[in-house]
Amino acid sequence: MSEKTVAILIESDYYEHEIWYYHSRFAESGIKARFVSRLWGQDHITFTGHEYKVPFECRDSFETIGDAELDNLAAVIVPSGIVSDRLRYTEDLSQIPPASAFLQRAFQRPQVIKGIICHGLWLVAPVPELVKGRKLTCHNNLHGDALAYGAEFVDQDLVEDGDLITARTGNHAHLLARAILQRLNAV
């Protein structure tokens, strides 16, 4: 039996407590936490946390994850903070951002759990059809965004809708992680 892996998007201005929690919580449950980002052709990038400015070195790109590898991921998490805003950059405005395209590919796989927390919902902006008609929660500041995407906003800290699990803020990372682990039968 192969090791289960959760891919977690990372960029600068990540919420340190959330990322540290995922790193520890998934590991203690026997799940590999794989931090991925856009590396812009480099072998690694060091990102900086939002609150404490803690450096985080990433050596893994979501752009190199092929279909078979994506099929085998247990989950993909879009974290809180400014991560998704930074990752939704695209040089070519006629194309969706690479990170949004990666998320779109994950949504095409119902066996892969999608976890979106807080401002992570920003990554959906170029592909709102991913959440149209789906129940979700997000930071109160993104309530209007969720409605504009055609989602059904639910005023709760955690919302599960099939393969989509959402949480309100980075302070609810424990709820998101627990829900994912329960789905993976790892608690």
C-alpha atoms as a PDB file:
ATOM      1  CA  MET A   1       0.000   0.000   0.000  1.00  0.00           C
ATOM      2  CA  SER A   2       1.449   3.348  -1.000  1.00  0.00           C
ATOM      3  CA  GLU A   3       1.756   6.308   1.328  1.00  0.00           C
ATOM      4  CA  LYS A   4      -1.103   8.803   1.147  1.00  0.00           C
ATOM      5  CA  THR A   5      -0.077  12.320   0.173  1.00  0.00           C
ATOM      6  CA  VAL A   6      -1.753  15.684   0.656  1.00  0.00           C
ATOM      7  CA  ALA A   7      -0.487  18.453  -1.649  1.00  0.00           C
ATOM      8  CA  ILE A   8      -0.532  21.871   0.031  1.00  0.00           C
ATOM      9  CA  LEU A   9      -0.013  25.010  -2.023  1.00  0.00           C
ATOM     10  CA  ILE A  10       2.550  27.447  -0.627  1.00  0.00           C
ATOM     11  CA  GLU A  11       3.733  30.967  -1.447  1.00  0.00           C
ATOM     12  CA  SER A  12       4.908  34.014   0.470  1.00  0.00           C
ATOM     13  CA  ASP A  13       2.589  35.561   3.040  1.00  0.00           C
ATOM     14  CA  TYR A  14       1.470  32.128   4.202  1.00  0.00           C
ATOM     15  CA  TYR A  15      -0.114  31.886   7.658  1.00  0.00           C
ATOM     16  CA  GLU A  16       2.625  30.200   9.696  1.00  0.00           C
ATOM     17  CA  HIS A  17       0.402  28.558  12.318  1.00  0.00           C
ATOM     18  CA  GLU A  18      -1.719  26.923   9.634  1.00  0.00           C
ATOM     19  CA  ILE A  19       1.213  25.578   7.614  1.00  0.00           C
ATOM     20  CA  TRP A  20       3.038  24.306  10.713  1.00  0.00           C
ATOM     21  CA  TYR A  21      -0.166  22.612  11.842  1.00  0.00           C
ATOM     22  CA  TYR A  22      -0.621  20.781   8.536  1.00  0.00           C
ATOM     23  CA  HIS A  23       3.024  19.724   8.533  1.00  0.00           C
ATOM     24  CA  SER A  24       2.746  18.165  11.994  1.00  0.00           C
ATOM     25  CA  ARG A  25      -0.848  16.915  11.946  1.00  0.00           C
ATOM     26  CA  PHE A  26      -0.648  15.017   8.681  1.00  0.00           C
ATOM     27  CA  ALA A  27       2.740  13.512   9.597  1.00  0.00           C
ATOM     28  CA  GLU A  28       1.461  12.209  12.937  1.00  0.00           C
ATOM     29  CA  SER A  29      -1.391  10.529  11.039  1.00  0.00           C
ATOM     30  CA  GLY A  30       0.962   8.821   8.586  1.00  0.00           C
ATOM     31  CA  ILE A  31       0.077  11.159   5.716  1.00  0.00           C
ATOM     32  CA  LYS A  32       2.788  12.892   3.699  1.00  0.00           C
ATOM     33  CA  ALA A  33       2.386  16.681   3.504  1.00  0.00           C
ATOM     34  CA  ARG A  34       3.796  17.732   0.131  1.00  0.00           C
ATOM     35  CA  PHE A  35       4.233  21.494  -0.197  1.00  0.00           C
ATOM     36  CA  VAL A  36       4.038  22.653  -3.809  1.00  0.00           C
ATOM     37  CA  SER A  37       4.223  25.996  -5.577  1.00  0.00           C
ATOM     38  CA  ARG A  38       5.160  27.633  -8.830  1.00  0.00           C
ATOM     39  CA  LEU A  39       8.960  27.620  -8.953  1.00  0.00           C
ATOM     40  CA  TRP A  40       9.393  29.762 -12.068  1.00  0.00           C
ATOM     41  CA  GLY A  41      12.044  27.423 -13.506  1.00  0.00           C
ATOM     42  CA  GLN A  42      14.161  27.452 -10.348  1.00  0.00           C
ATOM     43  CA  ASP A  43      15.034  24.366  -8.315  1.00  0.00           C
ATOM     44  CA  HIS A  44      13.670  25.993  -5.155  1.00  0.00           C
ATOM     45  CA  ILE A  45      12.221  29.208  -3.762  1.00  0.00           C
ATOM     46  CA  THR A  46      12.246  30.411  -0.180  1.00  0.00           C
ATOM     47  CA  PHE A  47       8.923  31.953   0.781  1.00  0.00           C
ATOM     48  CA  THR A  48       8.302  34.199   3.780  1.00  0.00           C
ATOM     49  CA  GLY A  49       5.496  33.820   6.292  1.00  0.00           C
ATOM     50  CA  HIS A  50       2.987  36.592   6.891  1.00  0.00           C
ATOM     51  CA  GLU A  51       3.080  37.159  10.639  1.00  0.00           C
ATOM     52  CA  TYR A  52       6.538  36.062  11.811  1.00  0.00           C
ATOM     53  CA  LYS A  53       8.379  36.280   8.455  1.00  0.00           C
ATOM     54  CA  VAL A  54       9.516  32.676   8.853  1.00  0.00           C
ATOM     55  CA  PRO A  55      11.304  31.354   5.746  1.00  0.00           C
ATOM     56  CA  PHE A  56       9.910  28.228   4.071  1.00  0.00           C
ATOM     57  CA  GLU A  57      11.913  26.546   1.327  1.00  0.00           C
ATOM     58  CA  CYS A  58       9.863  24.843  -1.375  1.00  0.00           C
ATOM     59  CA  ARG A  59      11.490  22.469  -3.866  1.00  0.00           C
ATOM     60  CA  ASP A  60       8.376  20.994  -5.447  1.00  0.00           C
ATOM     61  CA  SER A  61       6.298  22.468  -8.278  1.00  0.00           C
ATOM     62  CA  PHE A  62       2.647  21.719  -8.974  1.00  0.00           C
ATOM     63  CA  GLU A  63       3.463  22.409 -12.632  1.00  0.00           C
ATOM     64  CA  THR A  64       5.384  19.111 -12.825  1.00  0.00           C
ATOM     65  CA  ILE A  65       2.603  16.977 -11.323  1.00  0.00           C
ATOM     66  CA  GLY A  66       1.344  14.752 -14.121  1.00  0.00           C
ATOM     67  CA  ASP A  67      -2.091  13.180 -14.407  1.00  0.00           C
ATOM     68  CA  ALA A  68      -1.146   9.821 -12.881  1.00  0.00           C
ATOM     69  CA  GLU A  69       0.531  11.536  -9.934  1.00  0.00           C
ATOM     70  CA  LEU A  70      -2.460  13.835  -9.430  1.00  0.00           C
ATOM     71  CA  ASP A  71      -4.796  10.817  -9.572  1.00  0.00           C
ATOM     72  CA  ASN A  72      -2.898   9.357  -6.613  1.00  0.00           C
ATOM     73  CA  LEU A  73      -3.020  12.417  -4.361  1.00  0.00           C
ATOM     74  CA  ALA A  74      -5.346  12.019  -1.392  1.00  0.00           C
ATOM     75  CA  ALA A  75      -6.094  15.745  -1.192  1.00  0.00           C
ATOM     76  CA  VAL A  76      -5.110  19.211  -2.392  1.00  0.00           C
ATOM     77  CA  ILE A  77      -5.260  22.104   0.072  1.00  0.00           C
ATOM     78  CA  VAL A  78      -5.403  25.781  -0.860  1.00  0.00           C
ATOM     79  CA  PRO A  79      -4.374  27.514   2.387  1.00  0.00           C
ATOM     80  CA  SER A  80      -5.306  30.855   3.872  1.00  0.00           C
ATOM     81  CA  GLY A  81      -3.270  34.046   3.858  1.00  0.00           C
ATOM     82  CA  ILE A  82      -2.166  35.676   0.634  1.00  0.00           C
ATOM     83  CA  VAL A  83      -0.928  32.393  -0.899  1.00  0.00           C
ATOM     84  CA  SER A  84      -3.766  32.106  -3.415  1.00  0.00           C
ATOM     85  CA  ASP A  85      -3.596  35.762  -4.401  1.00  0.00           C
ATOM     86  CA  ARG A  86       0.091  35.400  -5.247  1.00  0.00           C
ATOM     87  CA  LEU A  87      -0.497  32.097  -7.053  1.00  0.00           C
ATOM     88  CA  ARG A  88      -3.292  33.408  -9.259  1.00  0.00           C
ATOM     89  CA  TYR A  89      -0.837  35.570 -11.194  1.00  0.00           C
ATOM     90  CA  THR A  90      -0.547  34.804 -14.903  1.00  0.00           C
ATOM     91  CA  GLU A  91       1.700  36.390 -17.510  1.00  0.00           C
ATOM     92  CA  ASP A  92      -0.792  35.658 -20.277  1.00  0.00           C
ATOM     93  CA  LEU A  93      -4.199  37.113 -19.450  1.00  0.00           C
ATOM     94  CA  SER A  94      -5.814  34.916 -22.111  1.00  0.00           C
ATOM     95  CA  GLN A  95      -4.859  31.864 -20.013  1.00  0.00           C
ATOM     96  CA  ILE A  96      -5.944  30.901 -16.530  1.00  0.00           C
ATOM     97  CA  PRO A  97      -3.132  31.054 -13.958  1.00  0.00           C
ATOM     98  CA  PRO A  98      -1.111  27.836 -13.639  1.00  0.00           C
ATOM     99  CA  ALA A  99      -2.188  27.366 -10.003  1.00  0.00           C
ATOM    100  CA  SER A 100      -5.856  27.752 -10.940  1.00  0.00           C
ATOM    101  CA  ALA A 101      -5.307  25.259 -13.778  1.00  0.00           C
ATOM    102  CA  PHE A 102      -3.795  22.825 -11.259  1.00  0.00           C
ATOM    103  CA  LEU A 103      -6.833  23.269  -9.009  1.00  0.00           C
ATOM    104  CA  GLN A 104      -9.102  22.760 -12.018  1.00  0.00           C
ATOM    105  CA  ARG A 105      -7.337  19.468 -12.753  1.00  0.00           C
ATOM    106  CA  ALA A 106      -7.820  18.406  -9.118  1.00  0.00           C
ATOM    107  CA  PHE A 107     -11.546  19.196  -9.339  1.00  0.00           C
ATOM    108  CA  GLN A 108     -11.772  16.847 -12.339  1.00  0.00           C
ATOM    109  CA  ARG A 109     -10.869  14.016  -9.962  1.00  0.00           C
ATOM    110  CA  PRO A 110     -13.659  13.285  -7.473  1.00  0.00           C
ATOM    111  CA  GLN A 111     -11.424  10.853  -5.577  1.00  0.00           C
ATOM    112  CA  VAL A 112      -9.098  13.753  -4.660  1.00  0.00           C
ATOM    113  CA  ILE A 113     -10.360  15.786  -1.712  1.00  0.00           C
ATOM    114  CA  LYS A 114     -10.201  19.529  -2.295  1.00  0.00           C
ATOM    115  CA  GLY A 115      -9.648  21.628   0.843  1.00  0.00           C
ATOM    116  CA  ILE A 116      -9.999  25.399   0.554  1.00  0.00           C
ATOM    117  CA  ILE A 117      -9.657  27.607   3.595  1.00  0.00           C
ATOM    118  CA  CYS A 118     -10.252  31.315   4.153  1.00  0.00           C
ATOM    119  CA  HIS A 119      -8.792  33.480   1.368  1.00  0.00           C
ATOM    120  CA  GLY A 120      -7.787  30.338  -0.533  1.00  0.00           C
ATOM    121  CA  LEU A 121     -11.072  30.855  -2.358  1.00  0.00           C
ATOM    122  CA  TRP A 122      -9.354  33.603  -4.384  1.00  0.00           C
ATOM    123  CA  LEU A 123      -7.660  30.895  -6.463  1.00  0.00           C
ATOM    124  CA  VAL A 124     -11.105  29.946  -7.799  1.00  0.00           C
ATOM    125  CA  ALA A 125     -11.735  33.436  -9.283  1.00  0.00           C
ATOM    126  CA  PRO A 126     -10.477  32.501 -12.798  1.00  0.00           C
ATOM    127  CA  VAL A 127     -12.459  29.216 -12.736  1.00  0.00           C
ATOM    128  CA  PRO A 128     -15.648  29.953 -10.750  1.00  0.00           C
ATOM    129  CA  GLU A 129     -17.443  27.022 -12.364  1.00  0.00           C
ATOM    130  CA  LEU A 130     -15.498  24.790  -9.950  1.00  0.00           C
ATOM    131  CA  VAL A 131     -17.654  25.942  -7.034  1.00  0.00           C
ATOM    132  CA  LYS A 132     -20.823  27.066  -8.809  1.00  0.00           C
ATOM    133  CA  GLY A 133     -23.780  25.505  -7.002  1.00  0.00           C
ATOM    134  CA  ARG A 134     -21.514  24.005  -4.311  1.00  0.00           C
ATOM    135  CA  LYS A 135     -21.907  24.624  -0.584  1.00  0.00           C
ATOM    136  CA  LEU A 136     -18.882  26.291   0.981  1.00  0.00           C
ATOM    137  CA  THR A 137     -17.635  28.675   3.612  1.00  0.00           C
ATOM    138  CA  CYS A 138     -14.821  31.207   3.518  1.00  0.00           C
ATOM    139  CA  HIS A 139     -13.578  34.286   5.335  1.00  0.00           C
ATOM    140  CA  ASN A 140     -16.352  36.816   5.849  1.00  0.00           C
ATOM    141  CA  ASN A 141     -14.447  39.226   3.575  1.00  0.00           C
ATOM    142  CA  LEU A 142     -14.955  36.787   0.688  1.00  0.00           C
ATOM    143  CA  HIS A 143     -18.690  36.241   1.209  1.00  0.00           C
ATOM    144  CA  GLY A 144     -19.459  38.411  -1.839  1.00  0.00           C
ATOM    145  CA  ASP A 145     -16.828  36.589  -3.893  1.00  0.00           C
ATOM    146  CA  ALA A 146     -18.410  33.228  -3.054  1.00  0.00           C
ATOM    147  CA  LEU A 147     -21.819  34.497  -4.151  1.00  0.00           C
ATOM    148  CA  ALA A 148     -20.335  35.994  -7.337  1.00  0.00           C
ATOM    149  CA  TYR A 149     -18.818  32.575  -8.140  1.00  0.00           C
ATOM    150  CA  GLY A 150     -22.316  31.078  -7.898  1.00  0.00           C
ATOM    151  CA  ALA A 151     -21.520  29.119  -4.735  1.00  0.00           C
ATOM    152  CA  GLU A 152     -23.960  28.555  -1.903  1.00  0.00           C
ATOM    153  CA  PHE A 153     -22.339  30.272   1.090  1.00  0.00           C
ATOM    154  CA  VAL A 154     -22.951  28.530   4.420  1.00  0.00           C
ATOM    155  CA  ASP A 155     -22.276  30.566   7.573  1.00  0.00           C
ATOM    156  CA  GLN A 156     -20.304  27.876   9.434  1.00  0.00           C
ATOM    157  CA  ASP A 157     -16.659  27.318  10.333  1.00  0.00           C
ATOM    158  CA  LEU A 158     -16.467  24.090   8.301  1.00  0.00           C
ATOM    159  CA  VAL A 159     -18.563  22.960   5.337  1.00  0.00           C
ATOM    160  CA  GLU A 160     -18.355  19.637   3.524  1.00  0.00           C
ATOM    161  CA  ASP A 161     -19.889  19.211   0.076  1.00  0.00           C
ATOM    162  CA  GLY A 162     -18.804  15.943  -1.467  1.00  0.00           C
ATOM    163  CA  ASP A 163     -15.129  16.122  -2.414  1.00  0.00           C
ATOM    164  CA  LEU A 164     -14.956  19.825  -1.419  1.00  0.00           C
ATOM    165  CA  ILE A 165     -14.183  20.723   2.194  1.00  0.00           C
ATOM    166  CA  THR A 166     -13.950  24.399   3.140  1.00  0.00           C
ATOM    167  CA  ALA A 167     -13.134  26.250   6.352  1.00  0.00           C
ATOM    168  CA  ARG A 168     -13.672  29.866   7.325  1.00  0.00           C
ATOM    169  CA  THR A 169     -10.227  31.114   8.475  1.00  0.00           C
ATOM    170  CA  GLY A 170      -6.673  29.938   9.032  1.00  0.00           C
ATOM    171  CA  ASN A 171      -7.612  29.546  12.687  1.00  0.00           C
ATOM    172  CA  HIS A 172      -9.891  26.716  11.566  1.00  0.00           C
ATOM    173  CA  ALA A 173      -7.061  24.678  10.005  1.00  0.00           C
ATOM    174  CA  HIS A 174      -7.574  22.022  12.674  1.00  0.00           C
ATOM    175  CA  LEU A 175     -11.181  21.559  11.515  1.00  0.00           C
ATOM    176  CA  LEU A 176     -10.151  21.282   7.870  1.00  0.00           C
ATOM    177  CA  ALA A 177      -7.329  18.839   8.619  1.00  0.00           C
ATOM    178  CA  ARG A 178      -9.556  16.700  10.844  1.00  0.00           C
ATOM    179  CA  ALA A 179     -12.282  16.517   8.181  1.00  0.00           C
ATOM    180  CA  ILE A 180      -9.725  15.491   5.541  1.00  0.00           C
ATOM    181  CA  LEU A 181      -8.180  12.900   7.860  1.00  0.00           C
ATOM    182  CA  GLN A 182     -11.617  11.483   8.668  1.00  0.00           C
ATOM    183  CA  ARG A 183     -12.277  11.079   4.944  1.00  0.00           C
ATOM    184  CA  LEU A 184      -8.929   9.309   4.613  1.00  0.00           C
ATOM    185  CA  ASN A 185      -9.713   7.088   7.615  1.00  0.00           C
ATOM    186  CA  ALA A 186      -6.505   8.335   9.218  1.00  0.00           C
ATOM    187  CA  VAL A 187      -7.849   9.457  12.617  1.00  0.00           C
END
